[in-house]
Each structure stands twice: as structure tokens, then as C-alpha cells.
PDB file of N, CA and C in Angstrom:
ATOM      1  N   MET A   1     -24.411   7.034 113.286  1.00  0.00           N
ATOM      2  CA  MET A   1     -24.080   8.444 113.144  1.00  0.00           C
ATOM      3  C   MET A   1     -22.590   8.619 113.386  1.00  0.00           C
ATOM      4  N   LEU A   2     -22.022   9.586 112.694  1.00  0.00           N
ATOM      5  CA  LEU A   2     -20.615   9.915 112.907  1.00  0.00           C
ATOM      6  C   LEU A   2     -20.484  11.405 113.117  1.00  0.00           C
ATOM      7  N   THR A   3     -19.412  11.791 113.818  1.00  0.00           N
ATOM      8  CA  THR A   3     -19.131  13.201 114.058  1.00  0.00           C
ATOM      9  C   THR A   3     -17.652  13.441 113.817  1.00  0.00           C
ATOM     10  N   GLY A   4     -17.306  14.678 113.437  1.00  0.00           N
ATOM     11  CA  GLY A   4     -15.914  14.980 113.157  1.00  0.00           C
ATOM     12  C   GLY A   4     -15.642  16.457 113.029  1.00  0.00           C
ATOM     13  N   VAL A   5     -14.416  16.729 112.588  1.00  0.00           N
ATOM     14  CA  VAL A   5     -13.937  18.102 112.437  1.00  0.00           C
ATOM     15  C   VAL A   5     -13.253  18.233 111.080  1.00  0.00           C
ATOM     16  N   LEU A   6     -13.596  19.286 110.367  1.00  0.00           N
ATOM     17  CA  LEU A   6     -12.989  19.606 109.080  1.00  0.00           C
ATOM     18  C   LEU A   6     -12.521  21.054 109.121  1.00  0.00           C
ATOM     19  N   ILE A   7     -11.291  21.293 108.723  1.00  0.00           N
ATOM     20  CA  ILE A   7     -10.763  22.654 108.588  1.00  0.00           C
ATOM     21  C   ILE A   7     -10.913  23.038 107.121  1.00  0.00           C
ATOM     22  N   ALA A   8     -11.702  24.067 106.848  1.00  0.00           N
ATOM     23  CA  ALA A   8     -11.999  24.447 105.467  1.00  0.00           C
ATOM     24  C   ALA A   8     -10.728  24.701 104.669  1.00  0.00           C
ATOM     25  N   GLU A   9      -9.734  25.310 105.287  1.00  0.00           N
ATOM     26  CA  GLU A   9      -8.484  25.635 104.583  1.00  0.00           C
ATOM     27  C   GLU A   9      -7.674  24.399 104.220  1.00  0.00           C
ATOM     28  N   SER A  10      -8.064  23.222 104.717  1.00  0.00           N
ATOM     29  CA  SER A  10      -7.348  21.987 104.383  1.00  0.00           C
ATOM     30  C   SER A  10      -7.727  21.443 103.009  1.00  0.00           C
ATOM     31  N   LEU A  11      -8.794  21.965 102.434  1.00  0.00           N
ATOM     32  CA  LEU A  11      -9.256  21.465 101.135  1.00  0.00           C
ATOM     33  C   LEU A  11      -8.501  22.132  99.992  1.00  0.00           C
ATOM     34  N   ARG A  12      -8.216  21.332  98.947  1.00  0.00           N
ATOM     35  CA  ARG A  12      -7.599  21.888  97.746  1.00  0.00           C
ATOM     36  C   ARG A  12      -8.513  22.950  97.144  1.00  0.00           C
ATOM     37  N   HIS A  13      -7.922  23.886  96.439  1.00  0.00           N
ATOM     38  CA  HIS A  13      -8.704  24.975  95.833  1.00  0.00           C
ATOM     39  C   HIS A  13      -9.557  24.505  94.664  1.00  0.00           C
ATOM     40  N   ASP A  14      -9.210  23.401  94.037  1.00  0.00           N
ATOM     41  CA  ASP A  14      -9.912  22.946  92.836  1.00  0.00           C
ATOM     42  C   ASP A  14     -10.916  21.826  93.124  1.00  0.00           C
ATOM     43  N   VAL A  15     -11.378  21.710  94.352  1.00  0.00           N
ATOM     44  CA  VAL A  15     -12.204  20.566  94.725  1.00  0.00           C
ATOM     45  C   VAL A  15     -13.647  20.979  95.014  1.00  0.00           C
ATOM     46  N   THR A  16     -14.557  20.080  94.680  1.00  0.00           N
ATOM     47  CA  THR A  16     -15.960  20.207  95.048  1.00  0.00           C
ATOM     48  C   THR A  16     -16.369  18.895  95.702  1.00  0.00           C
ATOM     49  N   LEU A  17     -16.928  18.975  96.884  1.00  0.00           N
ATOM     50  CA  LEU A  17     -17.430  17.791  97.576  1.00  0.00           C
ATOM     51  C   LEU A  17     -18.953  17.836  97.539  1.00  0.00           C
ATOM     52  N   GLU A  18     -19.582  16.735  97.100  1.00  0.00           N
ATOM     53  CA  GLU A  18     -21.035  16.681  96.982  1.00  0.00           C
ATOM     54  C   GLU A  18     -21.555  15.381  97.576  1.00  0.00           C
ATOM     55  N   GLY A  19     -22.785  15.410  98.043  1.00  0.00           N
ATOM     56  CA  GLY A  19     -23.447  14.204  98.528  1.00  0.00           C
ATOM     57  C   GLY A  19     -22.889  13.669  99.835  1.00  0.00           C
ATOM     58  N   LEU A  20     -22.250  14.528 100.618  1.00  0.00           N
ATOM     59  CA  LEU A  20     -21.614  14.064 101.851  1.00  0.00           C
ATOM     60  C   LEU A  20     -22.611  13.868 102.990  1.00  0.00           C
ATOM     61  N   ASP A  21     -23.769  14.503 102.895  1.00  0.00           N
ATOM     62  CA  ASP A  21     -24.787  14.417 103.939  1.00  0.00           C
ATOM     63  C   ASP A  21     -24.218  14.846 105.292  1.00  0.00           C
ATOM     64  N   LEU A  22     -23.532  15.996 105.298  1.00  0.00           N
ATOM     65  CA  LEU A  22     -22.969  16.531 106.531  1.00  0.00           C
ATOM     66  C   LEU A  22     -23.892  17.603 107.096  1.00  0.00           C
ATOM     67  N   ARG A  23     -23.997  17.620 108.393  1.00  0.00           N
ATOM     68  CA  ARG A  23     -24.714  18.675 109.091  1.00  0.00           C
ATOM     69  C   ARG A  23     -23.680  19.432 109.916  1.00  0.00           C
ATOM     70  N   VAL A  24     -23.510  20.699 109.607  1.00  0.00           N
ATOM     71  CA  VAL A  24     -22.539  21.508 110.342  1.00  0.00           C
ATOM     72  C   VAL A  24     -23.141  21.845 111.697  1.00  0.00           C
ATOM     73  N   GLU A  25     -22.435  21.453 112.747  1.00  0.00           N
ATOM     74  CA  GLU A  25     -22.889  21.670 114.117  1.00  0.00           C
ATOM     75  C   GLU A  25     -22.341  22.967 114.695  1.00  0.00           C
ATOM     76  N   LYS A  26     -21.115  23.328 114.275  1.00  0.00           N
ATOM     77  CA  LYS A  26     -20.471  24.530 114.806  1.00  0.00           C
ATOM     78  C   LYS A  26     -19.392  24.983 113.825  1.00  0.00           C
ATOM     79  N   ILE A  27     -19.235  26.289 113.680  1.00  0.00           N
ATOM     80  CA  ILE A  27     -18.158  26.871 112.868  1.00  0.00           C
ATOM     81  C   ILE A  27     -17.388  27.824 113.767  1.00  0.00           C
ATOM     82  N   THR A  28     -16.073  27.655 113.771  1.00  0.00           N
ATOM     83  CA  THR A  28     -15.207  28.502 114.587  1.00  0.00           C
ATOM     84  C   THR A  28     -14.096  29.057 113.714  1.00  0.00           C
ATOM     85  N   ARG A  29     -13.853  30.348 113.795  1.00  0.00           N
ATOM     86  CA  ARG A  29     -12.680  30.941 113.149  1.00  0.00           C
ATOM     87  C   ARG A  29     -11.619  31.033 114.226  1.00  0.00           C
ATOM     88  N   TRP A  30     -10.416  30.524 113.929  1.00  0.00           N
ATOM     89  CA  TRP A  30      -9.368  30.417 114.934  1.00  0.00           C
ATOM     90  C   TRP A  30      -8.047  30.893 114.345  1.00  0.00           C
ATOM     91  N   ARG A  31      -7.341  31.677 115.102  1.00  0.00           N
ATOM     92  CA  ARG A  31      -6.016  32.138 114.695  1.00  0.00           C
ATOM     93  C   ARG A  31      -4.984  31.202 115.296  1.00  0.00           C
ATOM     94  N   ASN A  32      -4.246  30.506 114.429  1.00  0.00           N
ATOM     95  CA  ASN A  32      -3.208  29.571 114.863  1.00  0.00           C
ATOM     96  C   ASN A  32      -1.944  30.375 115.169  1.00  0.00           C
ATOM     97  N   PRO A  33      -1.465  30.343 116.401  1.00  0.00           N
ATOM     98  CA  PRO A  33      -0.283  31.135 116.745  1.00  0.00           C
ATOM     99  C   PRO A  33       1.010  30.595 116.132  1.00  0.00           C
ATOM    100  N   ALA A  34       1.000  29.341 115.691  1.00  0.00           N
ATOM    101  CA  ALA A  34       2.220  28.744 115.133  1.00  0.00           C
ATOM    102  C   ALA A  34       1.865  27.804 113.980  1.00  0.00           C
ATOM    103  N   PRO A  35       1.373  28.348 112.857  1.00  0.00           N
ATOM    104  CA  PRO A  35       1.023  27.465 111.739  1.00  0.00           C
ATOM    105  C   PRO A  35       2.266  26.801 111.155  1.00  0.00           C
ATOM    106  N   ALA A  36       2.077  25.607 110.637  1.00  0.00           N
ATOM    107  CA  ALA A  36       3.162  24.902 109.953  1.00  0.00           C
ATOM    108  C   ALA A  36       3.448  25.619 108.637  1.00  0.00           C
ATOM    109  N   PRO A  37       4.630  25.396 108.063  1.00  0.00           N
ATOM    110  CA  PRO A  37       4.930  26.012 106.766  1.00  0.00           C
ATOM    111  C   PRO A  37       3.836  25.696 105.743  1.00  0.00           C
ATOM    112  N   GLY A  38       3.367  26.723 105.066  1.00  0.00           N
ATOM    113  CA  GLY A  38       2.334  26.561 104.056  1.00  0.00           C
ATOM    114  C   GLY A  38       0.914  26.654 104.584  1.00  0.00           C
ATOM    115  N   GLN A  39       0.738  26.688 105.908  1.00  0.00           N
ATOM    116  CA  GLN A  39      -0.597  26.806 106.477  1.00  0.00           C
ATOM    117  C   GLN A  39      -0.934  28.276 106.718  1.00  0.00           C
ATOM    118  N   PRO A  40      -2.192  28.654 106.502  1.00  0.00           N
ATOM    119  CA  PRO A  40      -2.583  30.029 106.802  1.00  0.00           C
ATOM    120  C   PRO A  40      -2.641  30.244 108.313  1.00  0.00           C
ATOM    121  N   GLU A  41      -2.619  31.482 108.703  1.00  0.00           N
ATOM    122  CA  GLU A  41      -2.665  31.817 110.134  1.00  0.00           C
ATOM    123  C   GLU A  41      -4.071  31.658 110.714  1.00  0.00           C
ATOM    124  N   THR A  42      -5.101  31.894 109.906  1.00  0.00           N
ATOM    125  CA  THR A  42      -6.478  31.796 110.384  1.00  0.00           C
ATOM    126  C   THR A  42      -7.164  30.594 109.744  1.00  0.00           C
ATOM    127  N   TRP A  43      -7.835  29.813 110.571  1.00  0.00           N
ATOM    128  CA  TRP A  43      -8.518  28.602 110.122  1.00  0.00           C
ATOM    129  C   TRP A  43     -10.022  28.720 110.361  1.00  0.00           C
ATOM    130  N   THR A  44     -10.795  28.049 109.502  1.00  0.00           N
ATOM    131  CA  THR A  44     -12.231  27.911 109.667  1.00  0.00           C
ATOM    132  C   THR A  44     -12.490  26.453 110.038  1.00  0.00           C
ATOM    133  N   ILE A  45     -12.847  26.233 111.289  1.00  0.00           N
ATOM    134  CA  ILE A  45     -13.011  24.880 111.817  1.00  0.00           C
ATOM    135  C   ILE A  45     -14.508  24.557 111.871  1.00  0.00           C
ATOM    136  N   MET A  46     -14.879  23.454 111.217  1.00  0.00           N
ATOM    137  CA  MET A  46     -16.280  23.049 111.166  1.00  0.00           C
ATOM    138  C   MET A  46     -16.461  21.711 111.869  1.00  0.00           C
ATOM    139  N   ASP A  47     -17.219  21.714 112.941  1.00  0.00           N
ATOM    140  CA  ASP A  47     -17.623  20.473 113.600  1.00  0.00           C
ATOM    141  C   ASP A  47     -18.861  19.981 112.854  1.00  0.00           C
ATOM    142  N   PHE A  48     -18.853  18.704 112.459  1.00  0.00           N
ATOM    143  CA  PHE A  48     -19.956  18.185 111.661  1.00  0.00           C
ATOM    144  C   PHE A  48     -20.460  16.860 112.210  1.00  0.00           C
ATOM    145  N   ALA A  49     -21.654  16.499 111.752  1.00  0.00           N
ATOM    146  CA  ALA A  49     -22.252  15.203 112.040  1.00  0.00           C
ATOM    147  C   ALA A  49     -22.833  14.680 110.736  1.00  0.00           C
ATOM    148  N   SER A  50     -22.972  13.367 110.645  1.00  0.00           N
ATOM    149  CA  SER A  50     -23.555  12.773 109.454  1.00  0.00           C
ATOM    150  C   SER A  50     -24.274  11.486 109.831  1.00  0.00           C
ATOM    151  N   GLY A  51     -25.363  11.239 109.153  1.00  0.00           N
ATOM    152  CA  GLY A  51     -26.093   9.999 109.334  1.00  0.00           C
ATOM    153  C   GLY A  51     -25.661   8.919 108.346  1.00  0.00           C
ATOM    154  N   ARG A  52     -24.609   9.185 107.581  1.00  0.00           N
ATOM    155  CA  ARG A  52     -24.140   8.215 106.584  1.00  0.00           C
ATOM    156  C   ARG A  52     -23.754   6.904 107.258  1.00  0.00           C
ATOM    157  N   ASP A  53     -24.098   5.806 106.604  1.00  0.00           N
ATOM    158  CA  ASP A  53     -23.704   4.485 107.095  1.00  0.00           C
ATOM    159  C   ASP A  53     -22.315   4.099 106.619  1.00  0.00           C
ATOM    160  N   ASP A  54     -21.856   4.710 105.534  1.00  0.00           N
ATOM    161  CA  ASP A  54     -20.610   4.297 104.886  1.00  0.00           C
ATOM    162  C   ASP A  54     -19.469   5.257 105.229  1.00  0.00           C
ATOM    163  N   ALA A  55     -18.877   5.087 106.407  1.00  0.00           N
ATOM    164  CA  ALA A  55     -17.787   5.954 106.853  1.00  0.00           C
ATOM    165  C   ALA A  55     -16.575   5.826 105.933  1.00  0.00           C
ATOM    166  N   ALA A  56     -16.329   4.640 105.397  1.00  0.00           N
ATOM    167  CA  ALA A  56     -15.184   4.443 104.500  1.00  0.00           C
ATOM    168  C   ALA A  56     -15.348   5.283 103.230  1.00  0.00           C
ATOM    169  N   TRP A  57     -16.566   5.375 102.705  1.00  0.00           N
ATOM    170  CA  TRP A  57     -16.813   6.202 101.520  1.00  0.00           C
ATOM    171  C   TRP A  57     -16.521   7.663 101.836  1.00  0.00           C
ATOM    172  N   LEU A  58     -16.999   8.135 102.996  1.00  0.00           N
ATOM    173  CA  LEU A  58     -16.751   9.513 103.384  1.00  0.00           C
ATOM    174  C   LEU A  58     -15.253   9.775 103.532  1.00  0.00           C
ATOM    175  N   ALA A  59     -14.543   8.846 104.143  1.00  0.00           N
ATOM    176  CA  ALA A  59     -13.089   8.984 104.290  1.00  0.00           C
ATOM    177  C   ALA A  59     -12.428   9.100 102.918  1.00  0.00           C
ATOM    178  N   ASP A  60     -12.874   8.317 101.966  1.00  0.00           N
ATOM    179  CA  ASP A  60     -12.305   8.365 100.616  1.00  0.00           C
ATOM    180  C   ASP A  60     -12.563   9.722  99.964  1.00  0.00           C
ATOM    181  N   GLN A  61     -13.746  10.277 100.154  1.00  0.00           N
ATOM    182  CA  GLN A  61     -14.059  11.589  99.588  1.00  0.00           C
ATOM    183  C   GLN A  61     -13.130  12.656 100.167  1.00  0.00           C
ATOM    184  N   PHE A  62     -12.928  12.632 101.467  1.00  0.00           N
ATOM    185  CA  PHE A  62     -12.025  13.595 102.096  1.00  0.00           C
ATOM    186  C   PHE A  62     -10.585  13.388 101.623  1.00  0.00           C
ATOM    187  N   ALA A  63     -10.141  12.138 101.543  1.00  0.00           N
ATOM    188  CA  ALA A  63      -8.761  11.844 101.134  1.00  0.00           C
ATOM    189  C   ALA A  63      -8.460  12.424  99.756  1.00  0.00           C
ATOM    190  N   GLN A  64      -9.438  12.388  98.866  1.00  0.00           N
ATOM    191  CA  GLN A  64      -9.244  12.917  97.521  1.00  0.00           C
ATOM    192  C   GLN A  64      -9.297  14.441  97.469  1.00  0.00           C
ATOM    193  N   ALA A  65      -9.843  15.060  98.515  1.00  0.00           N
ATOM    194  CA  ALA A  65     -10.050  16.505  98.499  1.00  0.00           C
ATOM    195  C   ALA A  65      -9.033  17.298  99.309  1.00  0.00           C
ATOM    196  N   LEU A  66      -8.296  16.629 100.189  1.00  0.00           N
ATOM    197  CA  LEU A  66      -7.365  17.333 101.075  1.00  0.00           C
ATOM    198  C   LEU A  66      -6.119  17.814 100.349  1.00  0.00           C
ATOM    199  N   ASP A  67      -5.649  18.957 100.774  1.00  0.00           N
ATOM    200  CA  ASP A  67      -4.426  19.538 100.232  1.00  0.00           C
ATOM    201  C   ASP A  67      -3.217  18.957 100.960  1.00  0.00           C
ATOM    202  N   ARG A  68      -2.061  19.196 100.414  1.00  0.00           N
ATOM    203  CA  ARG A  68      -0.797  18.789 101.021  1.00  0.00           C
ATOM    204  C   ARG A  68       0.071  20.008 101.185  1.00  0.00           C
ATOM    205  N   PRO A  69       1.049  19.949 101.992  1.00  0.00           N
ATOM    206  CA  PRO A  69       1.315  18.941 103.022  1.00  0.00           C
ATOM    207  C   PRO A  69       0.651  19.328 104.326  1.00  0.00           C
ATOM    208  N   GLY A  70       0.587  18.396 105.232  1.00  0.00           N
ATOM    209  CA  GLY A  70       0.240  18.671 106.603  1.00  0.00           C
ATOM    210  C   GLY A  70      -1.218  18.870 106.949  1.00  0.00           C
ATOM    211  N   TRP A  71      -2.139  18.321 106.153  1.00  0.00           N
ATOM    212  CA  TRP A  71      -3.558  18.463 106.469  1.00  0.00           C
ATOM    213  C   TRP A  71      -4.205  17.095 106.665  1.00  0.00           C
ATOM    214  N   TYR A  72      -5.218  17.069 107.505  1.00  0.00           N
ATOM    215  CA  TYR A  72      -6.017  15.864 107.702  1.00  0.00           C
ATOM    216  C   TYR A  72      -7.418  16.276 108.135  1.00  0.00           C
ATOM    217  N   VAL A  73      -8.343  15.334 108.108  1.00  0.00           N
ATOM    218  CA  VAL A  73      -9.679  15.501 108.684  1.00  0.00           C
ATOM    219  C   VAL A  73      -9.908  14.281 109.568  1.00  0.00           C
ATOM    220  N   ASP A  74     -10.596  14.486 110.676  1.00  0.00           N
ATOM    221  CA  ASP A  74     -10.875  13.338 111.534  1.00  0.00           C
ATOM    222  C   ASP A  74     -12.356  13.277 111.868  1.00  0.00           C
ATOM    223  N   PHE A  75     -12.827  12.032 112.037  1.00  0.00           N
ATOM    224  CA  PHE A  75     -14.193  11.805 112.476  1.00  0.00           C
ATOM    225  C   PHE A  75     -14.266  10.435 113.128  1.00  0.00           C
ATOM    226  N   HIS A  76     -15.371  10.188 113.811  1.00  0.00           N
ATOM    227  CA  HIS A  76     -15.532   8.887 114.450  1.00  0.00           C
ATOM    228  C   HIS A  76     -16.984   8.438 114.430  1.00  0.00           C
ATOM    229  N   THR A  77     -17.124   7.126 114.452  1.00  0.00           N
ATOM    230  CA  THR A  77     -18.411   6.494 114.675  1.00  0.00           C
ATOM    231  C   THR A  77     -18.445   6.114 116.151  1.00  0.00           C
ATOM    232  N   GLU A  78     -19.423   5.357 116.542  1.00  0.00           N
ATOM    233  CA  GLU A  78     -19.493   4.933 117.943  1.00  0.00           C
ATOM    234  C   GLU A  78     -18.248   4.147 118.356  1.00  0.00           C
ATOM    235  N   ASP A  79     -17.735   3.309 117.453  1.00  0.00           N
ATOM    236  CA  ASP A  79     -16.618   2.415 117.792  1.00  0.00           C
ATOM    237  C   ASP A  79     -15.297   2.743 117.119  1.00  0.00           C
ATOM    238  N   GLN A  80     -15.331   3.381 115.954  1.00  0.00           N
ATOM    239  CA  GLN A  80     -14.128   3.550 115.136  1.00  0.00           C
ATOM    240  C   GLN A  80     -13.708   5.010 115.022  1.00  0.00           C
ATOM    241  N   LYS A  81     -12.414   5.215 114.975  1.00  0.00           N
ATOM    242  CA  LYS A  81     -11.824   6.534 114.729  1.00  0.00           C
ATOM    243  C   LYS A  81     -11.248   6.528 113.326  1.00  0.00           C
ATOM    244  N   TYR A  82     -11.481   7.592 112.558  1.00  0.00           N
ATOM    245  CA  TYR A  82     -10.953   7.764 111.207  1.00  0.00           C
ATOM    246  C   TYR A  82     -10.096   9.026 111.205  1.00  0.00           C
ATOM    247  N   VAL A  83      -8.856   8.886 110.782  1.00  0.00           N
ATOM    248  CA  VAL A  83      -7.978  10.041 110.594  1.00  0.00           C
ATOM    249  C   VAL A  83      -7.548   9.972 109.133  1.00  0.00           C
ATOM    250  N   VAL A  84      -7.974  10.959 108.353  1.00  0.00           N
ATOM    251  CA  VAL A  84      -7.854  10.919 106.895  1.00  0.00           C
ATOM    252  C   VAL A  84      -6.835  11.942 106.420  1.00  0.00           C
ATOM    253  N   PHE A  85      -5.868  11.477 105.655  1.00  0.00           N
ATOM    254  CA  PHE A  85      -4.851  12.311 105.013  1.00  0.00           C
ATOM    255  C   PHE A  85      -5.043  12.189 103.509  1.00  0.00           C
ATOM    256  N   PRO A  86      -4.415  13.054 102.715  1.00  0.00           N
ATOM    257  CA  PRO A  86      -4.485  12.848 101.269  1.00  0.00           C
ATOM    258  C   PRO A  86      -3.946  11.455 100.929  1.00  0.00           C
ATOM    259  N   ASP A  87      -4.771  10.630 100.347  1.00  0.00           N
ATOM    260  CA  ASP A  87      -4.377   9.303  99.861  1.00  0.00           C
ATOM    261  C   ASP A  87      -4.111   8.270 100.941  1.00  0.00           C
ATOM    262  N   LYS A  88      -4.383   8.546 102.218  1.00  0.00           N
ATOM    263  CA  LYS A  88      -4.175   7.533 103.259  1.00  0.00           C
ATOM    264  C   LYS A  88      -5.130   7.789 104.416  1.00  0.00           C
ATOM    265  N   THR A  89      -5.763   6.701 104.882  1.00  0.00           N
ATOM    266  CA  THR A  89      -6.701   6.792 105.997  1.00  0.00           C
ATOM    267  C   THR A  89      -6.323   5.783 107.067  1.00  0.00           C
ATOM    268  N   PHE A  90      -6.336   6.239 108.312  1.00  0.00           N
ATOM    269  CA  PHE A  90      -6.133   5.361 109.459  1.00  0.00           C
ATOM    270  C   PHE A  90      -7.487   5.133 110.112  1.00  0.00           C
ATOM    271  N   VAL A  91      -7.784   3.866 110.372  1.00  0.00           N
ATOM    272  CA  VAL A  91      -9.013   3.487 111.059  1.00  0.00           C
ATOM    273  C   VAL A  91      -8.597   2.601 112.229  1.00  0.00           C
ATOM    274  N   TYR A  92      -9.037   2.974 113.424  1.00  0.00           N
ATOM    275  CA  TYR A  92      -8.729   2.156 114.590  1.00  0.00           C
ATOM    276  C   TYR A  92      -9.866   2.275 115.598  1.00  0.00           C
ATOM    277  N   ARG A  93      -9.930   1.315 116.501  1.00  0.00           N
ATOM    278  CA  ARG A  93     -10.946   1.365 117.550  1.00  0.00           C
ATOM    279  C   ARG A  93     -10.711   2.581 118.429  1.00  0.00           C
ATOM    280  N   ARG A  94     -11.757   3.290 118.748  1.00  0.00           N
ATOM    281  CA  ARG A  94     -11.624   4.458 119.616  1.00  0.00           C
ATOM    282  C   ARG A  94     -10.954   4.042 120.922  1.00  0.00           C
ATOM    283  N   GLY A  95      -9.949   4.822 121.321  1.00  0.00           N
ATOM    284  CA  GLY A  95      -9.206   4.524 122.537  1.00  0.00           C
ATOM    285  C   GLY A  95      -8.009   3.607 122.338  1.00  0.00           C
ATOM    286  N   ASP A  96      -7.790   3.115 121.121  1.00  0.00           N
ATOM    287  CA  ASP A  96      -6.659   2.226 120.828  1.00  0.00           C
ATOM    288  C   ASP A  96      -5.377   3.050 120.740  1.00  0.00           C
ATOM    289  N   ALA A  97      -4.536   2.970 121.762  1.00  0.00           N
ATOM    290  CA  ALA A  97      -3.311   3.779 121.824  1.00  0.00           C
ATOM    291  C   ALA A  97      -2.361   3.456 120.679  1.00  0.00           C
ATOM    292  N   ARG A  98      -2.254   2.200 120.303  1.00  0.00           N
ATOM    293  CA  ARG A  98      -1.355   1.817 119.208  1.00  0.00           C
ATOM    294  C   ARG A  98      -1.831   2.391 117.879  1.00  0.00           C
ATOM    295  N   GLY A  99      -3.124   2.297 117.610  1.00  0.00           N
ATOM    296  CA  GLY A  99      -3.675   2.841 116.377  1.00  0.00           C
ATOM    297  C   GLY A  99      -3.478   4.347 116.306  1.00  0.00           C
ATOM    298  N   ARG A 100      -3.713   5.005 117.434  1.00  0.00           N
ATOM    299  CA  ARG A 100      -3.513   6.456 117.483  1.00  0.00           C
ATOM    300  C   ARG A 100      -2.054   6.806 117.259  1.00  0.00           C
ATOM    301  N   ALA A 101      -1.141   6.075 117.891  1.00  0.00           N
ATOM    302  CA  ALA A 101       0.294   6.350 117.739  1.00  0.00           C
ATOM    303  C   ALA A 101       0.738   6.192 116.286  1.00  0.00           C
ATOM    304  N   GLU A 102       0.204   5.206 115.590  1.00  0.00           N
ATOM    305  CA  GLU A 102       0.540   5.021 114.172  1.00  0.00           C
ATOM    306  C   GLU A 102       0.055   6.205 113.340  1.00  0.00           C
ATOM    307  N   ALA A 103      -1.158   6.679 113.621  1.00  0.00           N
ATOM    308  CA  ALA A 103      -1.701   7.830 112.887  1.00  0.00           C
ATOM    309  C   ALA A 103      -0.889   9.087 113.197  1.00  0.00           C
ATOM    310  N   VAL A 104      -0.503   9.282 114.452  1.00  0.00           N
ATOM    311  CA  VAL A 104       0.296  10.455 114.830  1.00  0.00           C
ATOM    312  C   VAL A 104       1.660  10.406 114.146  1.00  0.00           C
ATOM    313  N   ALA A 105       2.295   9.241 114.135  1.00  0.00           N
ATOM    314  CA  ALA A 105       3.607   9.111 113.484  1.00  0.00           C
ATOM    315  C   ALA A 105       3.504   9.453 112.001  1.00  0.00           C
ATOM    316  N   TYR A 106       2.451   8.963 111.350  1.00  0.00           N
ATOM    317  CA  TYR A 106       2.264   9.279 109.936  1.00  0.00           C
ATOM    318  C   TYR A 106       2.011  10.773 109.752  1.00  0.00           C
ATOM    319  N   ALA A 107       1.169  11.346 110.601  1.00  0.00           N
ATOM    320  CA  ALA A 107       0.860  12.778 110.508  1.00  0.00           C
ATOM    321  C   ALA A 107       2.144  13.596 110.572  1.00  0.00           C
ATOM    322  N   GLN A 108       2.984  13.278 111.527  1.00  0.00           N
ATOM    323  CA  GLN A 108       4.224  14.031 111.673  1.00  0.00           C
ATOM    324  C   GLN A 108       5.145  13.820 110.476  1.00  0.00           C
ATOM    325  N   SER A 109       5.126  12.633 109.875  1.00  0.00           N
ATOM    326  CA  SER A 109       5.943  12.396 108.677  1.00  0.00           C
ATOM    327  C   SER A 109       5.438  13.199 107.484  1.00  0.00           C
ATOM    328  N   GLN A 110       4.168  13.660 107.568  1.00  0.00           N
ATOM    329  CA  GLN A 110       3.562  14.447 106.495  1.00  0.00           C
ATOM    330  C   GLN A 110       3.569  15.943 106.785  1.00  0.00           C
ATOM    331  N   GLY A 111       4.286  16.349 107.835  1.00  0.00           N
ATOM    332  CA  GLY A 111       4.428  17.768 108.127  1.00  0.00           C
ATOM    333  C   GLY A 111       3.431  18.339 109.113  1.00  0.00           C
ATOM    334  N   VAL A 112       2.630  17.488 109.753  1.00  0.00           N
ATOM    335  CA  VAL A 112       1.700  17.970 110.771  1.00  0.00           C
ATOM    336  C   VAL A 112       2.482  18.137 112.073  1.00  0.00           C
ATOM    337  N   PRO A 113       2.524  19.331 112.614  1.00  0.00           N
ATOM    338  CA  PRO A 113       3.231  19.531 113.889  1.00  0.00           C
ATOM    339  C   PRO A 113       2.567  18.699 114.999  1.00  0.00           C
ATOM    340  N   HIS A 114       3.382  18.279 115.970  1.00  0.00           N
ATOM    341  CA  HIS A 114       2.879  17.442 117.053  1.00  0.00           C
ATOM    342  C   HIS A 114       1.659  18.059 117.750  1.00  0.00           C
ATOM    343  N   ASP A 115       1.695  19.375 117.990  1.00  0.00           N
ATOM    344  CA  ASP A 115       0.582  20.014 118.688  1.00  0.00           C
ATOM    345  C   ASP A 115      -0.700  20.077 117.857  1.00  0.00           C
ATOM    346  N   GLN A 116      -0.611  19.775 116.552  1.00  0.00           N
ATOM    347  CA  GLN A 116      -1.815  19.707 115.712  1.00  0.00           C
ATOM    348  C   GLN A 116      -2.358  18.290 115.608  1.00  0.00           C
ATOM    349  N   CYS A 117      -1.702  17.335 116.243  1.00  0.00           N
ATOM    350  CA  CYS A 117      -2.188  15.948 116.274  1.00  0.00           C
ATOM    351  C   CYS A 117      -3.089  15.794 117.488  1.00  0.00           C
ATOM    352  N   ASP A 118      -4.079  16.649 117.585  1.00  0.00           N
ATOM    353  CA  ASP A 118      -4.900  16.743 118.787  1.00  0.00           C
ATOM    354  C   ASP A 118      -6.324  16.247 118.583  1.00  0.00           C
ATOM    355  N   TRP A 119      -6.515  15.335 117.630  1.00  0.00           N
ATOM    356  CA  TRP A 119      -7.870  14.830 117.414  1.00  0.00           C
ATOM    357  C   TRP A 119      -8.318  14.051 118.654  1.00  0.00           C
ATOM    358  N   GLY A 120      -9.575  14.210 118.963  1.00  0.00           N
ATOM    359  CA  GLY A 120     -10.147  13.498 120.105  1.00  0.00           C
ATOM    360  C   GLY A 120     -10.467  12.060 119.743  1.00  0.00           C
ATOM    361  N   GLU A 121     -10.655  11.276 120.716  1.00  0.00           N
ATOM    362  CA  GLU A 121     -11.004   9.879 120.484  1.00  0.00           C
ATOM    363  C   GLU A 121     -12.513   9.717 120.583  1.00  0.00           C
TER     364      GLU A 121
END
């Protein structure tokens, strides 16, 4: 099983995602006090779970659907963390500081503000 977080506003307007086998666990509407350039002020945050065995396939689906700049989706399995950007995915062992630092550095190079690099491990 895997669990993660998806911000609905991070998806491109012309995208349809199908067959993801996601179960929405929680939906939160949140007002971001300091959105990055191009980001809306209000976000729809969806905590999800999935019984999919193929986390890499799911990461690929998200990578193709995310808008630019400055958006990502994150999820994890029992052992692995996935941080997915448009066209690039970071996979590292949960708790691996080096893997996380590489993903954060890339996120910031793509316009994600440091305070938005807050994915859990």
C-alpha cells in the first residue's frame, strides 16, 4: 500500500488521469499565505491511499499530468519515498537525508519555495 498527497491545482488543465486506483482519505481546502508566482492562493489538498503494486507506474502518470512551474506530488510505500515533478521523479529510502536533499534542491531549481518542500518521510 502507498499513501500520498496531491494538490488538485497542480494538475494541467488538459489532463485526465484514469485507472489510478486511488482512495481519497481526506480533502482540505487551504489558503496559501505566500503562493509562488503562478500558483493560486487557494489549494485543494487530497490525501490519498492506493493498493497499487506499481509505484513507478503511478509516479509516471503523475509526472505526465503535473503543471509547471513549481508543482510536485509526493507519496510513499513502506520503504520508499517518491517525489514526482513534471518529467522527473526522485525515489529514495524513507529517512534518507541525502535523497531528500537532492529532491529539495531540484524542487527549488523548479520554482518550489523552500517552505513548500515540506513532504513527510
